Amino acid sequence: MGIVLTIVVITVFCYLAYCFYKQTEANDEHITLINTAEKNWVDAIEETTQAKKELIQSIAELFGQNDAERVDQNKIWIGMNKQLLLASWGNAEEIKESYVRGKQVEKMYYRPYINRLGSKKYEFEITVEDFVITGWKDLI
C-alpha cells in the first residue's frame, strides 16, 4: 500500500508541476502579446502625432498659420474650407446632400449617440455650401 500511495503522490506532484509549467508558459506568451500591443500602441501614437504635425505644417503653407492653428485646436468657423473641416473634425458620421438655387448644400452630422428610444441621433450639424462652412447648430 505504501508504494501505491507513493506512486499516486509522485503522479499528482508531476501533474501539478506540469500544470504550473504550462500556466507559466501561457502567462509568458500573454505578457509578450501585451508588451507587443503596448509597443504598437506607442508607435501608432507617435506616427499619428508626426502625421498631424506634417498636416498642420501643410495647412499653414496652403491656408496660413492662423487657419493651421485653429485646425490644430479642432476649431471650426464660418467660411472654413471643407478640407480644413475634415482635417479638424474628421469625416462626418452622416452627410445629407441637396441643391438649393444651384448651390451644393451638405448637412454634415457629428458626434452620434443613441437616444432613450434607441434611435441614432447627432449632437452637431454643420452646413456646408459649395465646400465652405456657412453655419452649424447643436442638436441637443
Protein backbone atom coordinates (compact mmCIF):
# COMPACT_ATOMS: atom_id res chain seq x y z
CA MET A 1 0.00 0.00 0.00
CA GLY A 2 2.88 2.37 0.73
CA ILE A 3 4.30 2.00 -2.79
CA VAL A 4 0.91 2.73 -4.41
CA LEU A 5 0.48 5.83 -2.26
CA THR A 6 4.00 6.97 -3.14
CA ILE A 7 3.28 6.50 -6.86
CA VAL A 8 0.00 8.43 -6.56
CA VAL A 9 1.70 11.29 -4.70
CA ILE A 10 4.51 11.43 -7.25
CA THR A 11 1.99 11.32 -10.13
CA VAL A 12 -0.07 14.14 -8.60
CA PHE A 13 3.06 16.16 -7.92
CA CYS A 14 4.26 15.67 -11.52
CA TYR A 15 0.82 16.64 -12.86
CA LEU A 16 0.74 19.79 -10.73
CA ALA A 17 4.29 20.66 -11.78
CA TYR A 18 3.31 20.19 -15.44
CA CYS A 19 0.19 22.38 -14.98
CA PHE A 20 2.28 25.06 -13.30
CA TYR A 21 4.81 24.93 -16.15
CA LYS A 22 2.07 25.21 -18.83
CA GLN A 23 0.39 28.09 -16.99
CA THR A 24 3.71 29.91 -16.64
CA GLU A 25 4.36 29.36 -20.34
CA ALA A 26 0.88 30.71 -21.22
CA ASN A 27 1.41 33.73 -18.95
CA ASP A 28 4.74 34.46 -20.63
CA GLU A 29 3.02 34.35 -24.03
CA HIS A 30 0.31 36.72 -22.81
CA ILE A 31 2.89 39.10 -21.37
CA THR A 32 4.74 39.06 -24.69
CA LEU A 33 1.50 39.81 -26.56
CA ILE A 34 0.65 42.63 -24.15
CA ASN A 35 4.12 44.15 -24.49
CA THR A 36 3.91 43.93 -28.28
CA ALA A 37 0.47 45.56 -28.26
CA GLU A 38 1.73 48.36 -25.97
CA LYS A 39 4.71 48.98 -28.24
CA ASN A 40 2.44 49.04 -31.30
CA TRP A 41 0.14 51.48 -29.49
CA VAL A 42 3.02 53.81 -28.62
CA ASP A 43 4.36 53.58 -32.19
CA ALA A 44 0.89 54.37 -33.58
CA ILE A 45 0.56 57.41 -31.31
CA GLU A 46 3.99 58.67 -32.38
CA GLU A 47 3.15 58.13 -36.07
CA THR A 48 -0.20 59.88 -35.64
CA THR A 49 1.44 62.79 -33.83
CA GLN A 50 4.05 63.13 -36.57
CA ALA A 51 1.40 62.91 -39.31
CA LYS A 52 -0.67 65.60 -37.60
CA LYS A 53 2.37 67.88 -37.33
CA GLU A 54 3.03 67.41 -41.05
CA LEU A 55 -0.64 68.05 -41.84
CA ILE A 56 -0.69 71.25 -39.77
CA GLN A 57 2.53 72.39 -41.47
CA SER A 58 0.98 71.78 -44.90
CA ILE A 59 -2.18 73.65 -43.89
CA ALA A 60 -0.04 76.57 -42.72
CA GLU A 61 1.71 76.66 -46.09
CA LEU A 62 -1.54 76.47 -48.06
CA PHE A 63 -4.01 78.42 -45.92
CA GLY A 64 -1.87 80.40 -43.46
CA GLN A 65 -0.66 79.95 -39.90
CA ASN A 66 -3.87 81.28 -38.33
CA ASP A 67 -6.03 78.64 -40.02
CA ALA A 68 -3.47 75.94 -39.22
CA GLU A 69 -3.56 76.84 -35.51
CA ARG A 70 -7.36 76.77 -35.45
CA VAL A 71 -7.41 73.36 -37.17
CA ASP A 72 -4.81 72.11 -34.69
CA GLN A 73 -7.16 73.18 -31.87
CA ASN A 74 -10.12 71.38 -33.58
CA LYS A 75 -12.00 74.64 -34.10
CA ILE A 76 -14.46 75.42 -36.88
CA TRP A 77 -15.57 78.78 -38.24
CA ILE A 78 -17.85 80.38 -40.81
CA GLY A 79 -16.03 80.47 -44.14
CA MET A 80 -13.88 77.47 -43.25
CA ASN A 81 -12.97 75.32 -46.24
CA LYS A 82 -14.46 71.80 -46.21
CA GLN A 83 -10.97 70.27 -46.46
CA LEU A 84 -9.99 72.12 -43.30
CA LEU A 85 -13.14 70.85 -41.59
CA LEU A 86 -12.15 67.29 -42.47
CA ALA A 87 -8.65 67.93 -41.12
CA SER A 88 -10.05 69.42 -37.92
CA TRP A 89 -13.01 67.15 -37.13
CA GLY A 90 -12.56 64.21 -39.49
CA ASN A 91 -15.24 62.62 -41.64
CA ALA A 92 -18.83 63.23 -40.67
CA GLU A 93 -20.83 60.27 -39.41
CA GLU A 94 -23.59 61.13 -41.88
CA ILE A 95 -23.94 63.59 -44.76
CA LYS A 96 -27.17 64.73 -46.42
CA GLU A 97 -26.66 66.43 -49.77
CA SER A 98 -29.05 68.71 -51.62
CA TYR A 99 -29.01 71.50 -54.18
CA VAL A 100 -30.52 74.88 -53.38
CA ARG A 101 -30.53 77.66 -56.01
CA GLY A 102 -27.73 75.93 -57.90
CA LYS A 103 -25.54 75.50 -54.84
CA GLN A 104 -24.49 72.18 -53.37
CA VAL A 105 -25.58 72.12 -49.74
CA GLU A 106 -24.34 69.45 -47.34
CA LYS A 107 -25.57 68.85 -43.83
CA MET A 108 -22.73 67.07 -42.04
CA TYR A 109 -23.56 65.29 -38.78
CA TYR A 110 -21.04 64.69 -35.99
CA ARG A 111 -20.94 63.05 -32.55
CA PRO A 112 -23.56 60.30 -32.83
CA TYR A 113 -25.41 58.92 -29.83
CA ILE A 114 -28.38 56.64 -29.19
CA ASN A 115 -31.37 58.39 -27.62
CA ARG A 116 -33.63 56.84 -24.98
CA LEU A 117 -35.90 55.41 -27.70
CA GLY A 118 -32.96 53.60 -29.29
CA SER A 119 -32.69 55.89 -32.33
CA LYS A 120 -29.39 57.18 -33.65
CA LYS A 121 -29.12 60.96 -33.26
CA TYR A 122 -26.34 63.51 -33.59
CA GLU A 123 -25.08 66.24 -31.29
CA PHE A 124 -23.87 68.58 -34.02
CA GLU A 125 -24.87 69.59 -37.57
CA ILE A 126 -22.60 71.62 -39.85
CA THR A 127 -23.93 73.23 -43.02
CA VAL A 128 -21.51 73.38 -45.95
CA GLU A 129 -22.41 75.26 -49.14
CA ASP A 130 -20.16 74.87 -52.16
CA PHE A 131 -17.38 73.43 -49.93
CA VAL A 132 -17.45 76.28 -47.37
CA ILE A 133 -18.99 76.21 -43.86
CA THR A 134 -21.95 78.59 -43.69
CA GLY A 135 -23.27 77.61 -40.27
CA TRP A 136 -23.77 74.97 -37.61
CA LYS A 137 -26.03 74.12 -34.73
CA ASP A 138 -26.09 72.00 -31.62
CA LEU A 139 -28.82 69.39 -31.94
CA ILE A 140 -29.16 68.53 -28.25
